[in-house]
Structures are given as C-alpha cells and as structure tokens.
Amino acid sequence: MLAIGLVLNTLGIGLFCWAIFALAVYALPFFVALSIGMTAFQSGAGIIGALLLGTGGGALTLVLGQVAFAVTRSSALRIAIATAFAVPAAVAGYHVVFALSQIGVPSLAWREVFACVGAVCIGVTSWTRLMVLAKTGPFGPAGLVENPS
C-alpha cells in the first residue's frame, strides 16, 4: 500500500509540474479574464455576464497576442510581446513554487530562493514557447532561390 502511495504521489507531482509548464503561456489571458470578470461582476453584470465577459476578454487577449506576434516582423516587438506573456507566468510560477516549497522546506530564505528560481524557469519557459514561433530569416515567398548555381 505504501508503494502505491509513493508511485501515485510521484505521478501526481509530475503531472502538476507538467501542467504548470504547459499552461504558463496562458497566464496573461487568465489574469485578463479574471480581472474583466471580477470588474463585470462588481458592476452588476451577474454571474453569467461576468463569466461571458471574462471568457471573451481572455480569449481575445490570447488571440490578439498570437496574431500580433505572428504578424510583426520586428524582433524587438516580438520580444516585447513575449515578455508581456512571460512576466505574468513568472509571477504565477513564483507563487506556485513558494506554496509548494512550504511543504518540505523549513527555512524562509531557502523558500524564497526556490521560488525565485521557479519563477525564472517558468517565465523563461513561457517566453521560449512564444519565441520558438519566430522565424529567424527575413519573410519572403517560399521556394524562391536567390542565387541559382
């Protein structure tokens, strides 16, 4: 019974870590959706209206960010867009790692160190997932050869 518990705990922690890294790109749209939903609810839109507005705002943020990233040719603008998506992911990563480190790390200083390292890792992962889509060469028609031999 103990062996099954250890295996299931290990699989659960591994699944949780995979989910954190896989969903890190969606931290900015989630924060936008949550902010819009809470504002709509507090202004009297009701639960259904707040859910619809929040979901629409988050989806619009994600789509506009991906389209802006794909359309722009400037690497500086792409870096700025990827950074805008990576900073909320790093903040979320900091808080997740800090909360998880409270389970097994008694020292507050080491918890902060682990949380900062986790924030950097998750932020860089989010930034890298967006930057991988960037094409390094100039955009042009495919299949054209500049200097045929």
Protein backbone atom coordinates (compact mmCIF):
# COMPACT_ATOMS: atom_id res chain seq x y z
CA MET A 1 0.00 0.00 0.00
CA LEU A 2 2.87 2.35 0.79
CA ALA A 3 4.49 1.66 -2.58
CA ILE A 4 1.26 2.51 -4.41
CA GLY A 5 1.00 5.75 -2.45
CA LEU A 6 4.57 6.73 -3.32
CA VAL A 7 4.04 5.96 -7.01
CA LEU A 8 0.75 7.87 -7.15
CA ASN A 9 2.25 10.86 -5.30
CA THR A 10 5.18 10.93 -7.71
CA LEU A 11 2.86 10.74 -10.72
CA GLY A 12 0.64 13.46 -9.27
CA ILE A 13 3.54 15.83 -8.65
CA GLY A 14 4.90 15.11 -12.13
CA LEU A 15 1.50 15.82 -13.69
CA PHE A 16 1.21 19.03 -11.67
CA CYS A 17 4.66 20.21 -12.80
CA TRP A 18 3.85 19.36 -16.42
CA ALA A 19 0.61 21.35 -16.17
CA ILE A 20 2.44 24.37 -14.73
CA PHE A 21 4.94 24.44 -17.59
CA ALA A 22 2.35 23.64 -20.29
CA LEU A 23 -0.11 26.29 -19.14
CA ALA A 24 2.43 29.02 -18.38
CA VAL A 25 1.78 30.75 -21.71
CA TYR A 26 -1.86 31.27 -20.74
CA ALA A 27 -1.15 33.21 -17.54
CA LEU A 28 -1.67 36.65 -19.13
CA PRO A 29 -5.02 35.77 -20.76
CA PHE A 30 -6.15 34.18 -17.49
CA PHE A 31 -5.24 37.29 -15.48
CA VAL A 32 -7.04 39.49 -18.03
CA ALA A 33 -10.11 37.24 -17.99
CA LEU A 34 -10.17 37.20 -14.19
CA SER A 35 -9.84 40.98 -13.96
CA ILE A 36 -12.57 41.60 -16.54
CA GLY A 37 -14.86 39.04 -14.94
CA MET A 38 -14.43 40.46 -11.44
CA THR A 39 -14.96 44.02 -12.68
CA ALA A 40 -18.08 42.99 -14.60
CA PHE A 41 -19.47 41.11 -11.60
CA GLN A 42 -18.86 44.02 -9.23
CA SER A 43 -20.54 46.42 -11.65
CA GLY A 44 -23.72 44.33 -11.67
CA ALA A 45 -23.39 42.09 -14.74
CA GLY A 46 -24.29 38.97 -12.75
CA ILE A 47 -22.53 35.63 -12.70
CA ILE A 48 -23.38 34.60 -16.26
CA GLY A 49 -22.48 38.01 -17.69
CA ALA A 50 -19.21 38.12 -15.76
CA LEU A 51 -18.27 34.63 -16.97
CA LEU A 52 -19.09 35.50 -20.58
CA LEU A 53 -17.23 38.82 -20.48
CA GLY A 54 -14.22 37.32 -18.72
CA THR A 55 -14.01 34.38 -21.11
CA GLY A 56 -14.35 36.67 -24.11
CA GLY A 57 -11.71 39.06 -22.80
CA GLY A 58 -9.24 36.27 -22.06
CA ALA A 59 -9.78 34.64 -25.45
CA LEU A 60 -9.42 37.99 -27.19
CA THR A 61 -6.17 38.67 -25.33
CA LEU A 62 -4.75 35.30 -26.34
CA VAL A 63 -5.80 35.64 -29.99
CA LEU A 64 -4.59 39.23 -30.32
CA GLY A 65 -1.26 38.35 -28.69
CA GLN A 66 -0.69 35.40 -31.00
CA VAL A 67 -1.74 37.34 -34.11
CA ALA A 68 0.42 40.34 -33.16
CA PHE A 69 3.36 38.03 -32.54
CA ALA A 70 2.89 36.19 -35.84
CA VAL A 71 2.32 39.30 -37.97
CA THR A 72 5.09 41.55 -36.71
CA ARG A 73 8.48 41.38 -38.37
CA SER A 74 10.36 43.39 -35.78
CA SER A 75 12.29 41.20 -33.38
CA ALA A 76 12.15 43.92 -30.72
CA LEU A 77 8.35 43.95 -30.86
CA ARG A 78 8.26 40.15 -30.74
CA ILE A 79 10.47 40.19 -27.67
CA ALA A 80 8.18 42.78 -26.07
CA ILE A 81 5.07 40.67 -26.76
CA ALA A 82 6.75 37.51 -25.49
CA THR A 83 7.88 39.38 -22.37
CA ALA A 84 4.33 40.61 -21.78
CA PHE A 85 3.21 36.98 -21.76
CA ALA A 86 6.22 35.75 -19.72
CA VAL A 87 6.04 38.20 -16.80
CA PRO A 88 2.61 37.03 -15.51
CA ALA A 89 3.78 33.44 -15.99
CA ALA A 90 6.84 34.17 -13.86
CA VAL A 91 4.68 35.75 -11.14
CA ALA A 92 2.39 32.72 -11.15
CA GLY A 93 5.41 30.41 -11.12
CA TYR A 94 6.86 32.25 -8.14
CA HIS A 95 3.70 31.80 -6.11
CA VAL A 96 3.24 28.15 -7.07
CA VAL A 97 6.82 27.20 -6.21
CA PHE A 98 6.69 29.23 -2.99
CA ALA A 99 3.50 27.46 -1.92
CA LEU A 100 4.90 24.04 -2.78
CA SER A 101 8.19 24.73 -1.06
CA GLN A 102 6.34 25.37 2.20
CA ILE A 103 5.62 21.65 2.32
CA GLY A 104 9.20 20.49 2.73
CA VAL A 105 11.49 23.49 3.24
CA PRO A 106 11.52 24.92 6.77
CA SER A 107 13.79 27.90 6.07
CA LEU A 108 12.13 31.06 4.72
CA ALA A 109 15.32 32.11 2.94
CA TRP A 110 15.53 28.83 1.01
CA ARG A 111 11.83 29.02 0.16
CA GLU A 112 12.45 32.44 -1.39
CA VAL A 113 15.45 31.10 -3.31
CA PHE A 114 13.45 28.17 -4.67
CA ALA A 115 10.53 30.45 -5.53
CA CYS A 116 12.79 32.86 -7.43
CA VAL A 117 14.44 30.01 -9.34
CA GLY A 118 11.00 28.59 -10.14
CA ALA A 119 9.78 31.97 -11.33
CA VAL A 120 12.75 32.31 -13.65
CA CYS A 121 12.32 28.77 -15.01
CA ILE A 122 8.60 29.14 -15.68
CA GLY A 123 8.97 32.64 -17.12
CA VAL A 124 11.76 31.52 -19.46
CA THR A 125 9.67 28.51 -20.50
CA SER A 126 6.72 30.74 -21.37
CA TRP A 127 8.97 33.21 -23.20
CA THR A 128 10.66 30.39 -25.13
CA ARG A 129 7.36 28.82 -26.17
CA LEU A 130 6.34 32.09 -27.78
CA MET A 131 9.76 32.87 -29.28
CA VAL A 132 10.03 29.44 -30.91
CA LEU A 133 7.37 30.58 -33.35
CA ALA A 134 9.65 33.38 -34.60
CA LYS A 135 11.26 32.79 -37.94
CA THR A 136 14.91 33.82 -37.86
CA GLY A 137 15.27 34.73 -41.54
CA PRO A 138 13.52 37.51 -43.43
CA PHE A 139 9.98 36.88 -44.59
CA GLY A 140 9.56 36.24 -48.27
CA PRO A 141 7.91 33.96 -50.78
CA ALA A 142 8.74 30.33 -50.21
CA GLY A 143 10.55 28.37 -52.85
CA LEU A 144 12.44 31.25 -54.48
CA VAL A 145 16.15 30.80 -54.89
CA GLU A 146 18.30 33.93 -54.68
CA ASN A 147 21.44 32.72 -56.48
CA PRO A 148 20.82 29.56 -58.54
CA SER A 149 24.02 27.74 -59.44
